[in-house]
Amino acid sequence: MADTRVPELVADLEAQAVACLMENVPTLDGQTATIISKKLSQHLSCNWGGQLIYFPKNQGGELDERDKQIYAEFDGKNHQELARKYNLAVQRI
């Protein structure tokens, strides 16, 4: 049974952290991932508790990676191909 004294946001943070750890660190067991996620939520609660925090979507970082990939694939003649591949206007390439 879930501990109802844990705020929903904290519980979700812990669940998301466990999922991320399990997906990205294949050698990590579930118990260790859970311990790490609880430590993370405690750390964030101590440092940010009571604050209103906005989490940006980090599209800038993702766009930077996409643009680097486009630049690496660009051969001077493949504007149309890259536009289709990355769902962009040809002018954007």
PDB file of N, CA and C in Angstrom:
ATOM      1  N   MET A   1       0.842  -1.180   0.000  1.00  0.00           N
ATOM      2  CA  MET A   1       0.000   0.000   0.000  1.00  0.00           C
ATOM      3  C   MET A   1       0.893   1.251   0.000  1.00  0.00           C
ATOM      4  N   ALA A   2       0.538   2.218  -0.827  1.00  0.00           N
ATOM      5  CA  ALA A   2       1.327   3.442  -0.936  1.00  0.00           C
ATOM      6  C   ALA A   2       1.173   4.286   0.328  1.00  0.00           C
ATOM      7  N   ASP A   3       2.247   4.961   0.685  1.00  0.00           N
ATOM      8  CA  ASP A   3       2.226   5.850   1.850  1.00  0.00           C
ATOM      9  C   ASP A   3       1.521   7.141   1.451  1.00  0.00           C
ATOM     10  N   THR A   4       0.323   7.372   1.982  1.00  0.00           N
ATOM     11  CA  THR A   4      -0.460   8.548   1.595  1.00  0.00           C
ATOM     12  C   THR A   4       0.071   9.832   2.223  1.00  0.00           C
ATOM     13  N   ARG A   5       1.047   9.715   3.126  1.00  0.00           N
ATOM     14  CA  ARG A   5       1.637  10.921   3.722  1.00  0.00           C
ATOM     15  C   ARG A   5       2.650  11.565   2.782  1.00  0.00           C
ATOM     16  N   VAL A   6       3.093  10.816   1.776  1.00  0.00           N
ATOM     17  CA  VAL A   6       4.049  11.353   0.806  1.00  0.00           C
ATOM     18  C   VAL A   6       3.274  12.178  -0.222  1.00  0.00           C
ATOM     19  N   PRO A   7       3.648  13.446  -0.399  1.00  0.00           N
ATOM     20  CA  PRO A   7       2.947  14.273  -1.390  1.00  0.00           C
ATOM     21  C   PRO A   7       3.007  13.632  -2.780  1.00  0.00           C
ATOM     22  N   GLU A   8       1.960  13.823  -3.539  1.00  0.00           N
ATOM     23  CA  GLU A   8       1.852  13.211  -4.871  1.00  0.00           C
ATOM     24  C   GLU A   8       3.044  13.560  -5.766  1.00  0.00           C
ATOM     25  N   LEU A   9       3.468  14.808  -5.747  1.00  0.00           N
ATOM     26  CA  LEU A   9       4.602  15.224  -6.576  1.00  0.00           C
ATOM     27  C   LEU A   9       5.868  14.468  -6.198  1.00  0.00           C
ATOM     28  N   VAL A  10       6.122  14.310  -4.910  1.00  0.00           N
ATOM     29  CA  VAL A  10       7.318  13.601  -4.444  1.00  0.00           C
ATOM     30  C   VAL A  10       7.235  12.130  -4.849  1.00  0.00           C
ATOM     31  N   ALA A  11       6.071  11.530  -4.677  1.00  0.00           N
ATOM     32  CA  ALA A  11       5.897  10.128  -5.060  1.00  0.00           C
ATOM     33  C   ALA A  11       6.115   9.943  -6.563  1.00  0.00           C
ATOM     34  N   ASP A  12       5.594  10.880  -7.361  1.00  0.00           N
ATOM     35  CA  ASP A  12       5.773  10.791  -8.809  1.00  0.00           C
ATOM     36  C   ASP A  12       7.234  11.006  -9.188  1.00  0.00           C
ATOM     37  N   LEU A  13       7.906  11.946  -8.538  1.00  0.00           N
ATOM     38  CA  LEU A  13       9.328  12.168  -8.789  1.00  0.00           C
ATOM     39  C   LEU A  13      10.107  10.880  -8.535  1.00  0.00           C
ATOM     40  N   GLU A  14       9.825  10.234  -7.427  1.00  0.00           N
ATOM     41  CA  GLU A  14      10.521   8.990  -7.101  1.00  0.00           C
ATOM     42  C   GLU A  14      10.241   7.908  -8.148  1.00  0.00           C
ATOM     43  N   ALA A  15       8.985   7.787  -8.560  1.00  0.00           N
ATOM     44  CA  ALA A  15       8.628   6.787  -9.575  1.00  0.00           C
ATOM     45  C   ALA A  15       9.307   7.086 -10.911  1.00  0.00           C
ATOM     46  N   GLN A  16       9.329   8.367 -11.303  1.00  0.00           N
ATOM     47  CA  GLN A  16       9.976   8.744 -12.557  1.00  0.00           C
ATOM     48  C   GLN A  16      11.483   8.489 -12.500  1.00  0.00           C
ATOM     49  N   ALA A  17      12.090   8.769 -11.351  1.00  0.00           N
ATOM     50  CA  ALA A  17      13.528   8.538 -11.188  1.00  0.00           C
ATOM     51  C   ALA A  17      13.844   7.052 -11.275  1.00  0.00           C
ATOM     52  N   VAL A  18      13.035   6.217 -10.635  1.00  0.00           N
ATOM     53  CA  VAL A  18      13.242   4.768 -10.706  1.00  0.00           C
ATOM     54  C   VAL A  18      13.137   4.303 -12.161  1.00  0.00           C
ATOM     55  N   ALA A  19      12.107   4.749 -12.867  1.00  0.00           N
ATOM     56  CA  ALA A  19      11.914   4.353 -14.259  1.00  0.00           C
ATOM     57  C   ALA A  19      13.100   4.779 -15.123  1.00  0.00           C
ATOM     58  N   CYS A  20      13.560   5.999 -14.935  1.00  0.00           N
ATOM     59  CA  CYS A  20      14.696   6.516 -15.708  1.00  0.00           C
ATOM     60  C   CYS A  20      15.966   5.727 -15.412  1.00  0.00           C
ATOM     61  N   LEU A  21      16.213   5.478 -14.140  1.00  0.00           N
ATOM     62  CA  LEU A  21      17.403   4.714 -13.755  1.00  0.00           C
ATOM     63  C   LEU A  21      17.361   3.299 -14.322  1.00  0.00           C
ATOM     64  N   MET A  22      16.229   2.638 -14.209  1.00  0.00           N
ATOM     65  CA  MET A  22      16.111   1.260 -14.688  1.00  0.00           C
ATOM     66  C   MET A  22      16.277   1.187 -16.208  1.00  0.00           C
ATOM     67  N   GLU A  23      15.796   2.203 -16.895  1.00  0.00           N
ATOM     68  CA  GLU A  23      15.900   2.233 -18.356  1.00  0.00           C
ATOM     69  C   GLU A  23      17.321   2.535 -18.824  1.00  0.00           C
ATOM     70  N   ASN A  24      18.021   3.405 -18.093  1.00  0.00           N
ATOM     71  CA  ASN A  24      19.321   3.888 -18.570  1.00  0.00           C
ATOM     72  C   ASN A  24      20.533   3.249 -17.919  1.00  0.00           C
ATOM     73  N   VAL A  25      20.320   2.518 -16.836  1.00  0.00           N
ATOM     74  CA  VAL A  25      21.428   1.832 -16.158  1.00  0.00           C
ATOM     75  C   VAL A  25      21.038   0.357 -16.021  1.00  0.00           C
ATOM     76  N   PRO A  26      21.262  -0.430 -17.080  1.00  0.00           N
ATOM     77  CA  PRO A  26      20.774  -1.805 -17.099  1.00  0.00           C
ATOM     78  C   PRO A  26      21.316  -2.693 -15.973  1.00  0.00           C
ATOM     79  N   THR A  27      22.457  -2.347 -15.423  1.00  0.00           N
ATOM     80  CA  THR A  27      23.041  -3.169 -14.358  1.00  0.00           C
ATOM     81  C   THR A  27      22.471  -2.839 -12.979  1.00  0.00           C
ATOM     82  N   LEU A  28      21.626  -1.824 -12.902  1.00  0.00           N
ATOM     83  CA  LEU A  28      21.078  -1.376 -11.617  1.00  0.00           C
ATOM     84  C   LEU A  28      19.841  -2.195 -11.254  1.00  0.00           C
ATOM     85  N   ASP A  29      19.786  -2.675 -10.023  1.00  0.00           N
ATOM     86  CA  ASP A  29      18.610  -3.426  -9.578  1.00  0.00           C
ATOM     87  C   ASP A  29      17.542  -2.462  -9.060  1.00  0.00           C
ATOM     88  N   GLY A  30      16.315  -2.944  -8.986  1.00  0.00           N
ATOM     89  CA  GLY A  30      15.181  -2.120  -8.589  1.00  0.00           C
ATOM     90  C   GLY A  30      15.307  -1.548  -7.188  1.00  0.00           C
ATOM     91  N   GLN A  31      15.851  -2.326  -6.270  1.00  0.00           N
ATOM     92  CA  GLN A  31      15.978  -1.846  -4.889  1.00  0.00           C
ATOM     93  C   GLN A  31      16.945  -0.665  -4.817  1.00  0.00           C
ATOM     94  N   THR A  32      18.064  -0.766  -5.509  1.00  0.00           N
ATOM     95  CA  THR A  32      19.040   0.323  -5.509  1.00  0.00           C
ATOM     96  C   THR A  32      18.457   1.558  -6.203  1.00  0.00           C
ATOM     97  N   ALA A  33      17.734   1.344  -7.307  1.00  0.00           N
ATOM     98  CA  ALA A  33      17.099   2.471  -8.007  1.00  0.00           C
ATOM     99  C   ALA A  33      16.103   3.175  -7.089  1.00  0.00           C
ATOM    100  N   THR A  34      15.365   2.424  -6.303  1.00  0.00           N
ATOM    101  CA  THR A  34      14.399   2.999  -5.369  1.00  0.00           C
ATOM    102  C   THR A  34      15.103   3.797  -4.278  1.00  0.00           C
ATOM    103  N   ILE A  35      16.200   3.269  -3.762  1.00  0.00           N
ATOM    104  CA  ILE A  35      16.970   3.987  -2.729  1.00  0.00           C
ATOM    105  C   ILE A  35      17.498   5.308  -3.298  1.00  0.00           C
ATOM    106  N   ILE A  36      18.053   5.256  -4.498  1.00  0.00           N
ATOM    107  CA  ILE A  36      18.589   6.464  -5.135  1.00  0.00           C
ATOM    108  C   ILE A  36      17.465   7.475  -5.354  1.00  0.00           C
ATOM    109  N   SER A  37      16.317   7.014  -5.821  1.00  0.00           N
ATOM    110  CA  SER A  37      15.208   7.945  -6.098  1.00  0.00           C
ATOM    111  C   SER A  37      14.709   8.605  -4.819  1.00  0.00           C
ATOM    112  N   LYS A  38      14.674   7.867  -3.718  1.00  0.00           N
ATOM    113  CA  LYS A  38      14.251   8.454  -2.449  1.00  0.00           C
ATOM    114  C   LYS A  38      15.277   9.474  -1.954  1.00  0.00           C
ATOM    115  N   LYS A  39      16.567   9.165  -2.113  1.00  0.00           N
ATOM    116  CA  LYS A  39      17.618  10.122  -1.730  1.00  0.00           C
ATOM    117  C   LYS A  39      17.502  11.394  -2.573  1.00  0.00           C
ATOM    118  N   LEU A  40      17.232  11.221  -3.858  1.00  0.00           N
ATOM    119  CA  LEU A  40      17.071  12.367  -4.746  1.00  0.00           C
ATOM    120  C   LEU A  40      15.888  13.228  -4.314  1.00  0.00           C
ATOM    121  N   SER A  41      14.745  12.601  -4.032  1.00  0.00           N
ATOM    122  CA  SER A  41      13.572  13.384  -3.635  1.00  0.00           C
ATOM    123  C   SER A  41      13.810  14.092  -2.301  1.00  0.00           C
ATOM    124  N   GLN A  42      14.535  13.445  -1.381  1.00  0.00           N
ATOM    125  CA  GLN A  42      14.861  14.090  -0.102  1.00  0.00           C
ATOM    126  C   GLN A  42      15.770  15.294  -0.333  1.00  0.00           C
ATOM    127  N   HIS A  43      16.757  15.125  -1.206  1.00  0.00           N
ATOM    128  CA  HIS A  43      17.700  16.204  -1.502  1.00  0.00           C
ATOM    129  C   HIS A  43      16.970  17.401  -2.124  1.00  0.00           C
ATOM    130  N   LEU A  44      16.115  17.120  -3.109  1.00  0.00           N
ATOM    131  CA  LEU A  44      15.380  18.202  -3.757  1.00  0.00           C
ATOM    132  C   LEU A  44      14.399  18.859  -2.797  1.00  0.00           C
ATOM    133  N   SER A  45      13.745  18.064  -1.967  1.00  0.00           N
ATOM    134  CA  SER A  45      12.811  18.626  -0.982  1.00  0.00           C
ATOM    135  C   SER A  45      13.527  19.541   0.003  1.00  0.00           C
ATOM    136  N   CYS A  46      14.722  19.142   0.431  1.00  0.00           N
ATOM    137  CA  CYS A  46      15.492  19.979   1.362  1.00  0.00           C
ATOM    138  C   CYS A  46      15.940  21.280   0.703  1.00  0.00           C
ATOM    139  N   ASN A  47      16.314  21.213  -0.568  1.00  0.00           N
ATOM    140  CA  ASN A  47      16.853  22.382  -1.255  1.00  0.00           C
ATOM    141  C   ASN A  47      15.790  23.252  -1.916  1.00  0.00           C
ATOM    142  N   TRP A  48      14.704  22.645  -2.375  1.00  0.00           N
ATOM    143  CA  TRP A  48      13.691  23.388  -3.104  1.00  0.00           C
ATOM    144  C   TRP A  48      12.320  23.366  -2.440  1.00  0.00           C
ATOM    145  N   GLY A  49      12.185  22.686  -1.321  1.00  0.00           N
ATOM    146  CA  GLY A  49      10.890  22.539  -0.660  1.00  0.00           C
ATOM    147  C   GLY A  49      10.216  23.875  -0.406  1.00  0.00           C
ATOM    148  N   GLY A  50       8.937  23.955  -0.709  1.00  0.00           N
ATOM    149  CA  GLY A  50       8.159  25.167  -0.483  1.00  0.00           C
ATOM    150  C   GLY A  50       8.218  26.178  -1.611  1.00  0.00           C
ATOM    151  N   GLN A  51       9.081  25.954  -2.597  1.00  0.00           N
ATOM    152  CA  GLN A  51       9.198  26.890  -3.708  1.00  0.00           C
ATOM    153  C   GLN A  51       8.267  26.485  -4.846  1.00  0.00           C
ATOM    154  N   LEU A  52       7.830  27.469  -5.605  1.00  0.00           N
ATOM    155  CA  LEU A  52       7.098  27.197  -6.834  1.00  0.00           C
ATOM    156  C   LEU A  52       8.143  27.078  -7.937  1.00  0.00           C
ATOM    157  N   ILE A  53       8.231  25.920  -8.534  1.00  0.00           N
ATOM    158  CA  ILE A  53       9.282  25.669  -9.514  1.00  0.00           C
ATOM    159  C   ILE A  53       8.662  25.328 -10.858  1.00  0.00           C
ATOM    160  N   TYR A  54       9.190  25.945 -11.893  1.00  0.00           N
ATOM    161  CA  TYR A  54       8.776  25.678 -13.267  1.00  0.00           C
ATOM    162  C   TYR A  54       9.848  24.826 -13.923  1.00  0.00           C
ATOM    163  N   PHE A  55       9.471  23.691 -14.491  1.00  0.00           N
ATOM    164  CA  PHE A  55      10.406  22.848 -15.222  1.00  0.00           C
ATOM    165  C   PHE A  55      10.244  23.108 -16.711  1.00  0.00           C
ATOM    166  N   PRO A  56      11.228  23.743 -17.343  1.00  0.00           N
ATOM    167  CA  PRO A  56      11.127  23.946 -18.786  1.00  0.00           C
ATOM    168  C   PRO A  56      11.255  22.601 -19.509  1.00  0.00           C
ATOM    169  N   LYS A  57      10.770  22.552 -20.730  1.00  0.00           N
ATOM    170  CA  LYS A  57      10.806  21.317 -21.500  1.00  0.00           C
ATOM    171  C   LYS A  57      12.192  21.021 -22.069  1.00  0.00           C
ATOM    172  N   ASN A  58      13.119  21.939 -21.947  1.00  0.00           N
ATOM    173  CA  ASN A  58      14.490  21.762 -22.444  1.00  0.00           C
ATOM    174  C   ASN A  58      14.539  21.560 -23.954  1.00  0.00           C
ATOM    175  N   GLN A  59      13.614  22.195 -24.658  1.00  0.00           N
ATOM    176  CA  GLN A  59      13.626  22.063 -26.103  1.00  0.00           C
ATOM    177  C   GLN A  59      14.874  22.676 -26.710  1.00  0.00           C
ATOM    178  N   GLY A  60      15.447  23.671 -26.054  1.00  0.00           N
ATOM    179  CA  GLY A  60      16.669  24.280 -26.575  1.00  0.00           C
ATOM    180  C   GLY A  60      17.781  23.264 -26.676  1.00  0.00           C
ATOM    181  N   GLY A  61      17.963  22.470 -25.648  1.00  0.00           N
ATOM    182  CA  GLY A  61      18.996  21.431 -25.663  1.00  0.00           C
ATOM    183  C   GLY A  61      18.735  20.386 -26.724  1.00  0.00           C
ATOM    184  N   GLU A  62      17.463  20.003 -26.882  1.00  0.00           N
ATOM    185  CA  GLU A  62      17.111  19.026 -27.898  1.00  0.00           C
ATOM    186  C   GLU A  62      17.291  19.598 -29.293  1.00  0.00           C
ATOM    187  N   LEU A  63      16.942  20.866 -29.480  1.00  0.00           N
ATOM    188  CA  LEU A  63      17.115  21.491 -30.779  1.00  0.00           C
ATOM    189  C   LEU A  63      18.587  21.600 -31.135  1.00  0.00           C
ATOM    190  N   ASP A  64      19.421  21.904 -30.160  1.00  0.00           N
ATOM    191  CA  ASP A  64      20.850  21.977 -30.420  1.00  0.00           C
ATOM    192  C   ASP A  64      21.359  20.650 -30.960  1.00  0.00           C
ATOM    193  N   GLU A  65      20.935  19.550 -30.353  1.00  0.00           N
ATOM    194  CA  GLU A  65      21.358  18.229 -30.810  1.00  0.00           C
ATOM    195  C   GLU A  65      20.832  17.942 -32.210  1.00  0.00           C
ATOM    196  N   ARG A  66      19.559  18.293 -32.462  1.00  0.00           N
ATOM    197  CA  ARG A  66      18.988  18.084 -33.791  1.00  0.00           C
ATOM    198  C   ARG A  66      19.751  18.890 -34.831  1.00  0.00           C
ATOM    199  N   ASP A  67      20.021  20.151 -34.511  1.00  0.00           N
ATOM    200  CA  ASP A  67      20.720  21.008 -35.463  1.00  0.00           C
ATOM    201  C   ASP A  67      22.135  20.513 -35.734  1.00  0.00           C
ATOM    202  N   LYS A  68      22.801  19.992 -34.728  1.00  0.00           N
ATOM    203  CA  LYS A  68      24.137  19.410 -34.930  1.00  0.00           C
ATOM    204  C   LYS A  68      24.062  18.216 -35.871  1.00  0.00           C
ATOM    205  N   GLN A  69      23.021  17.401 -35.691  1.00  0.00           N
ATOM    206  CA  GLN A  69      22.853  16.230 -36.547  1.00  0.00           C
ATOM    207  C   GLN A  69      22.585  16.649 -37.988  1.00  0.00           C
ATOM    208  N   ILE A  70      21.730  17.659 -38.173  1.00  0.00           N
ATOM    209  CA  ILE A  70      21.450  18.166 -39.519  1.00  0.00           C
ATOM    210  C   ILE A  70      22.735  18.673 -40.154  1.00  0.00           C
ATOM    211  N   TYR A  71      23.506  19.439 -39.407  1.00  0.00           N
ATOM    212  CA  TYR A  71      24.759  19.983 -39.925  1.00  0.00           C
ATOM    213  C   TYR A  71      25.707  18.850 -40.346  1.00  0.00           C
ATOM    214  N   ALA A  72      25.768  17.803 -39.527  1.00  0.00           N
ATOM    215  CA  ALA A  72      26.657  16.675 -39.831  1.00  0.00           C
ATOM    216  C   ALA A  72      26.203  15.931 -41.087  1.00  0.00           C
ATOM    217  N   GLU A  73      24.906  15.877 -41.332  1.00  0.00           N
ATOM    218  CA  GLU A  73      24.366  15.143 -42.482  1.00  0.00           C
ATOM    219  C   GLU A  73      24.301  15.991 -43.756  1.00  0.00           C
ATOM    220  N   PHE A  74      24.422  17.292 -43.602  1.00  0.00           N
ATOM    221  CA  PHE A  74      24.260  18.196 -44.745  1.00  0.00           C
ATOM    222  C   PHE A  74      25.435  18.074 -45.706  1.00  0.00           C
ATOM    223  N   ASP A  75      25.122  17.890 -47.007  1.00  0.00           N
ATOM    224  CA  ASP A  75      26.186  17.772 -48.009  1.00  0.00           C
ATOM    225  C   ASP A  75      26.161  18.895 -49.047  1.00  0.00           C
ATOM    226  N   GLY A  76      25.312  19.899 -48.809  1.00  0.00           N
ATOM    227  CA  GLY A  76      25.219  21.026 -49.734  1.00  0.00           C
ATOM    228  C   GLY A  76      24.129  20.869 -50.771  1.00  0.00           C
ATOM    229  N   LYS A  77      23.626  19.653 -50.946  1.00  0.00           N
ATOM    230  CA  LYS A  77      22.607  19.384 -51.967  1.00  0.00           C
ATOM    231  C   LYS A  77      21.366  18.690 -51.414  1.00  0.00           C
ATOM    232  N   ASN A  78      21.383  18.319 -50.160  1.00  0.00           N
ATOM    233  CA  ASN A  78      20.299  17.488 -49.631  1.00  0.00           C
ATOM    234  C   ASN A  78      19.302  18.255 -48.755  1.00  0.00           C
ATOM    235  N   HIS A  79      19.032  19.494 -49.111  1.00  0.00           N
ATOM    236  CA  HIS A  79      18.085  20.321 -48.354  1.00  0.00           C
ATOM    237  C   HIS A  79      16.727  19.628 -48.214  1.00  0.00           C
ATOM    238  N   GLN A  80      16.180  19.177 -49.338  1.00  0.00           N
ATOM    239  CA  GLN A  80      14.840  18.581 -49.354  1.00  0.00           C
ATOM    240  C   GLN A  80      14.787  17.310 -48.508  1.00  0.00           C
ATOM    241  N   GLU A  81      15.778  16.468 -48.659  1.00  0.00           N
ATOM    242  CA  GLU A  81      15.832  15.208 -47.909  1.00  0.00           C
ATOM    243  C   GLU A  81      15.865  15.468 -46.394  1.00  0.00           C
ATOM    244  N   LEU A  82      16.712  16.396 -45.978  1.00  0.00           N
ATOM    245  CA  LEU A  82      16.813  16.707 -44.549  1.00  0.00           C
ATOM    246  C   LEU A  82      15.544  17.373 -44.021  1.00  0.00           C
ATOM    247  N   ALA A  83      14.924  18.212 -44.847  1.00  0.00           N
ATOM    248  CA  ALA A  83      13.675  18.855 -44.437  1.00  0.00           C
ATOM    249  C   ALA A  83      12.607  17.799 -44.168  1.00  0.00           C
ATOM    250  N   ARG A  84      12.500  16.817 -45.056  1.00  0.00           N
ATOM    251  CA  ARG A  84      11.521  15.737 -44.851  1.00  0.00           C
ATOM    252  C   ARG A  84      11.886  14.912 -43.606  1.00  0.00           C
ATOM    253  N   LYS A  85      13.143  14.549 -43.495  1.00  0.00           N
ATOM    254  CA  LYS A  85      13.576  13.704 -42.375  1.00  0.00           C
ATOM    255  C   LYS A  85      13.294  14.348 -41.024  1.00  0.00           C
ATOM    256  N   TYR A  86      13.546  15.663 -40.911  1.00  0.00           N
ATOM    257  CA  TYR A  86      13.409  16.358 -39.628  1.00  0.00           C
ATOM    258  C   TYR A  86      12.119  17.172 -39.515  1.00  0.00           C
ATOM    259  N   ASN A  87      11.215  16.981 -40.496  1.00  0.00           N
ATOM    260  CA  ASN A  87       9.917  17.656 -40.477  1.00  0.00           C
ATOM    261  C   ASN A  87      10.065  19.182 -40.371  1.00  0.00           C
ATOM    262  N   LEU A  88      10.915  19.725 -41.220  1.00  0.00           N
ATOM    263  CA  LEU A  88      11.181  21.162 -41.246  1.00  0.00           C
ATOM    264  C   LEU A  88      10.937  21.701 -42.647  1.00  0.00           C
ATOM    265  N   ALA A  89      10.788  23.008 -42.754  1.00  0.00           N
ATOM    266  CA  ALA A  89      10.720  23.649 -44.066  1.00  0.00           C
ATOM    267  C   ALA A  89      12.120  23.632 -44.681  1.00  0.00           C
ATOM    268  N   VAL A  90      12.165  23.570 -45.998  1.00  0.00           N
ATOM    269  CA  VAL A  90      13.453  23.560 -46.689  1.00  0.00           C
ATOM    270  C   VAL A  90      14.264  24.794 -46.309  1.00  0.00           C
ATOM    271  N   GLN A  91      13.595  25.935 -46.164  1.00  0.00           N
ATOM    272  CA  GLN A  91      14.275  27.171 -45.793  1.00  0.00           C
ATOM    273  C   GLN A  91      14.963  27.046 -44.426  1.00  0.00           C
ATOM    274  N   ARG A  92      14.393  26.249 -43.567  1.00  0.00           N
ATOM    275  CA  ARG A  92      14.956  26.073 -42.214  1.00  0.00           C
ATOM    276  C   ARG A  92      16.291  25.327 -42.267  1.00  0.00           C
ATOM    277  N   ILE A  93      16.433  24.451 -43.268  1.00  0.00           N
ATOM    278  CA  ILE A  93      17.676  23.709 -43.435  1.00  0.00           C
ATOM    279  C   ILE A  93      18.748  24.665 -43.922  1.00  0.00           C
TER     280      ILE A  93
END
